């Protein structure tokens, strides 16, 4: 896997095989994956909970930055896995949603 950019298809294949190799597919129901996604988002929120707006905008502490990166990666993994289980093409869904948002909120 490349460390430079996100290839959603490659990540999806990796996560699918990762789950299959560990016999976790049985647990990867949409409900369970959505709950895990929400839990990871909660862990991200916990990091920011007591930071000031300035601190949250400039993560100068390497430990905090690393923790945020880990939680974002966890969130993305569960999101990709959930989309896979539900047979939703994230690339397509994202670009369609971006276009709807652009139409809904035109620039001034």
C-alpha atoms as a PDB file:
ATOM      1  CA  UNK A   1       0.000   0.000   0.000  1.00  0.00           C
ATOM      2  CA  UNK A   2       1.152   3.485  -0.813  1.00  0.00           C
ATOM      3  CA  UNK A   3       1.795   5.897   2.033  1.00  0.00           C
ATOM      4  CA  UNK A   4       1.482   9.014  -0.127  1.00  0.00           C
ATOM      5  CA  UNK A   5      -2.124   9.112  -1.215  1.00  0.00           C
ATOM      6  CA  UNK A   6      -5.413   7.409  -0.537  1.00  0.00           C
ATOM      7  CA  UNK A   7      -6.414   4.749  -3.028  1.00  0.00           C
ATOM      8  CA  UNK A   8      -9.848   3.811  -1.723  1.00  0.00           C
ATOM      9  CA  UNK A   9     -10.083   0.688  -3.864  1.00  0.00           C
ATOM     10  CA  UNK A  10      -6.709  -0.565  -2.643  1.00  0.00           C
ATOM     11  CA  UNK A  11      -7.587   0.241   0.970  1.00  0.00           C
ATOM     12  CA  UNK A  12     -10.944  -1.531   0.574  1.00  0.00           C
ATOM     13  CA  UNK A  13      -9.279  -4.658  -0.782  1.00  0.00           C
ATOM     14  CA  UNK A  14      -6.688  -4.612   2.012  1.00  0.00           C
ATOM     15  CA  UNK A  15      -9.330  -4.195   4.733  1.00  0.00           C
ATOM     16  CA  UNK A  16     -11.527  -6.895   3.223  1.00  0.00           C
ATOM     17  CA  UNK A  17      -8.639  -9.376   3.164  1.00  0.00           C
ATOM     18  CA  UNK A  18      -7.560  -8.284   6.661  1.00  0.00           C
ATOM     19  CA  UNK A  19     -11.057  -9.081   7.979  1.00  0.00           C
ATOM     20  CA  UNK A  20     -11.271 -12.364   6.062  1.00  0.00           C
ATOM     21  CA  UNK A  21      -7.857 -13.543   7.272  1.00  0.00           C
ATOM     22  CA  UNK A  22      -8.946 -13.036  10.885  1.00  0.00           C
ATOM     23  CA  UNK A  23     -12.481 -14.398  10.452  1.00  0.00           C
ATOM     24  CA  UNK A  24     -13.884 -10.987  11.388  1.00  0.00           C
ATOM     25  CA  UNK A  25     -16.290 -10.707   8.444  1.00  0.00           C
ATOM     26  CA  UNK A  26     -18.977 -12.283  10.610  1.00  0.00           C
ATOM     27  CA  UNK A  27     -18.760  -9.259  12.911  1.00  0.00           C
ATOM     28  CA  UNK A  28     -18.620  -6.647  10.152  1.00  0.00           C
ATOM     29  CA  UNK A  29     -22.326  -5.994   9.908  1.00  0.00           C
ATOM     30  CA  UNK A  30     -23.441  -2.485   8.952  1.00  0.00           C
ATOM     31  CA  UNK A  31     -24.713  -1.921  12.512  1.00  0.00           C
ATOM     32  CA  UNK A  32     -21.450  -2.994  14.121  1.00  0.00           C
ATOM     33  CA  UNK A  33     -19.304  -1.030  11.691  1.00  0.00           C
ATOM     34  CA  UNK A  34     -21.426   2.113  12.113  1.00  0.00           C
ATOM     35  CA  UNK A  35     -21.150   1.771  15.887  1.00  0.00           C
ATOM     36  CA  UNK A  36     -17.376   1.311  15.658  1.00  0.00           C
ATOM     37  CA  UNK A  37     -17.160   4.349  13.379  1.00  0.00           C
ATOM     38  CA  UNK A  38     -19.095   6.433  15.914  1.00  0.00           C
ATOM     39  CA  UNK A  39     -16.896   5.164  18.751  1.00  0.00           C
ATOM     40  CA  UNK A  40     -13.732   6.166  16.896  1.00  0.00           C
ATOM     41  CA  UNK A  41     -15.221   9.597  16.177  1.00  0.00           C
ATOM     42  CA  UNK A  42     -15.861   9.871  19.914  1.00  0.00           C
ATOM     43  CA  UNK A  43     -12.213   9.068  20.593  1.00  0.00           C
ATOM     44  CA  UNK A  44     -11.245  11.881  18.207  1.00  0.00           C
ATOM     45  CA  UNK A  45     -13.576  14.251  20.040  1.00  0.00           C
ATOM     46  CA  UNK A  46     -12.007  13.280  23.336  1.00  0.00           C
ATOM     47  CA  UNK A  47      -8.602  14.504  22.132  1.00  0.00           C
ATOM     48  CA  UNK A  48     -10.012  17.949  21.324  1.00  0.00           C
ATOM     49  CA  UNK A  49     -12.364  18.196  24.306  1.00  0.00           C
ATOM     50  CA  UNK A  50     -10.305  20.508  26.514  1.00  0.00           C
ATOM     51  CA  UNK A  51      -8.115  22.203  23.919  1.00  0.00           C
ATOM     52  CA  UNK A  52      -8.559  25.892  23.265  1.00  0.00           C
ATOM     53  CA  UNK A  53      -9.565  26.901  19.726  1.00  0.00           C
ATOM     54  CA  UNK A  54      -5.963  27.967  19.083  1.00  0.00           C
ATOM     55  CA  UNK A  55      -4.559  24.686  20.422  1.00  0.00           C
ATOM     56  CA  UNK A  56      -6.993  22.687  18.308  1.00  0.00           C
ATOM     57  CA  UNK A  57      -5.987  24.618  15.178  1.00  0.00           C
ATOM     58  CA  UNK A  58      -2.242  24.193  15.675  1.00  0.00           C
ATOM     59  CA  UNK A  59      -1.328  20.761  16.934  1.00  0.00           C
ATOM     60  CA  UNK A  60       2.221  21.614  17.951  1.00  0.00           C
ATOM     61  CA  UNK A  61       2.485  18.729  20.416  1.00  0.00           C
ATOM     62  CA  UNK A  62       3.697  15.734  18.406  1.00  0.00           C
ATOM     63  CA  UNK A  63       1.920  13.331  20.751  1.00  0.00           C
ATOM     64  CA  UNK A  64      -1.445  15.039  20.193  1.00  0.00           C
ATOM     65  CA  UNK A  65      -0.868  15.239  16.427  1.00  0.00           C
ATOM     66  CA  UNK A  66      -0.006  11.532  16.361  1.00  0.00           C
ATOM     67  CA  UNK A  67      -3.130  10.649  18.380  1.00  0.00           C
ATOM     68  CA  UNK A  68      -5.317  12.686  16.009  1.00  0.00           C
ATOM     69  CA  UNK A  69      -3.720  10.982  13.000  1.00  0.00           C
ATOM     70  CA  UNK A  70      -4.372   7.548  14.536  1.00  0.00           C
ATOM     71  CA  UNK A  71      -8.041   8.329  15.224  1.00  0.00           C
ATOM     72  CA  UNK A  72      -8.562   9.777  11.738  1.00  0.00           C
ATOM     73  CA  UNK A  73      -7.043   6.605  10.277  1.00  0.00           C
ATOM     74  CA  UNK A  74      -9.323   4.438  12.426  1.00  0.00           C
ATOM     75  CA  UNK A  75     -12.358   6.450  11.319  1.00  0.00           C
ATOM     76  CA  UNK A  76     -11.369   6.155   7.677  1.00  0.00           C
ATOM     77  CA  UNK A  77     -10.823   2.402   7.973  1.00  0.00           C
ATOM     78  CA  UNK A  78     -14.266   1.825   9.441  1.00  0.00           C
ATOM     79  CA  UNK A  79     -15.833   4.154   6.867  1.00  0.00           C
ATOM     80  CA  UNK A  80     -14.196   2.291   3.992  1.00  0.00           C
ATOM     81  CA  UNK A  81     -15.160  -1.084   5.457  1.00  0.00           C
ATOM     82  CA  UNK A  82     -18.780   0.022   6.010  1.00  0.00           C
ATOM     83  CA  UNK A  83     -19.036   1.277   2.438  1.00  0.00           C
ATOM     84  CA  UNK A  84     -17.626  -2.034   1.196  1.00  0.00           C
ATOM     85  CA  UNK A  85     -20.098  -4.114   3.205  1.00  0.00           C
ATOM     86  CA  UNK A  86     -22.976  -1.952   1.917  1.00  0.00           C
ATOM     87  CA  UNK A  87     -21.616  -1.999  -1.669  1.00  0.00           C
ATOM     88  CA  UNK A  88     -21.359   1.803  -1.802  1.00  0.00           C
ATOM     89  CA  UNK A  89     -18.678   3.245  -4.041  1.00  0.00           C
ATOM     90  CA  UNK A  90     -17.176   5.982  -1.862  1.00  0.00           C
ATOM     91  CA  UNK A  91     -15.461   7.799  -4.734  1.00  0.00           C
ATOM     92  CA  UNK A  92     -18.745   8.082  -6.586  1.00  0.00           C
ATOM     93  CA  UNK A  93     -20.756   8.970  -3.473  1.00  0.00           C
ATOM     94  CA  UNK A  94     -18.246  11.648  -2.464  1.00  0.00           C
ATOM     95  CA  UNK A  95     -18.159  13.387  -5.845  1.00  0.00           C
ATOM     96  CA  UNK A  96     -21.948  13.297  -6.167  1.00  0.00           C
ATOM     97  CA  UNK A  97     -22.309  14.824  -2.694  1.00  0.00           C
ATOM     98  CA  UNK A  98     -19.680  17.484  -3.432  1.00  0.00           C
ATOM     99  CA  UNK A  99     -21.579  18.455  -6.575  1.00  0.00           C
ATOM    100  CA  UNK A 100     -24.896  18.640  -4.703  1.00  0.00           C
ATOM    101  CA  UNK A 101     -23.240  20.826  -2.072  1.00  0.00           C
ATOM    102  CA  UNK A 102     -21.784  23.091  -4.765  1.00  0.00           C
ATOM    103  CA  UNK A 103     -25.235  23.437  -6.342  1.00  0.00           C
ATOM    104  CA  UNK A 104     -26.881  24.006  -2.963  1.00  0.00           C
ATOM    105  CA  UNK A 105     -24.296  26.495  -1.703  1.00  0.00           C
ATOM    106  CA  UNK A 106     -23.039  28.506  -4.680  1.00  0.00           C
ATOM    107  CA  UNK A 107     -20.057  30.778  -4.113  1.00  0.00           C
ATOM    108  CA  UNK A 108     -20.784  34.455  -3.731  1.00  0.00           C
END
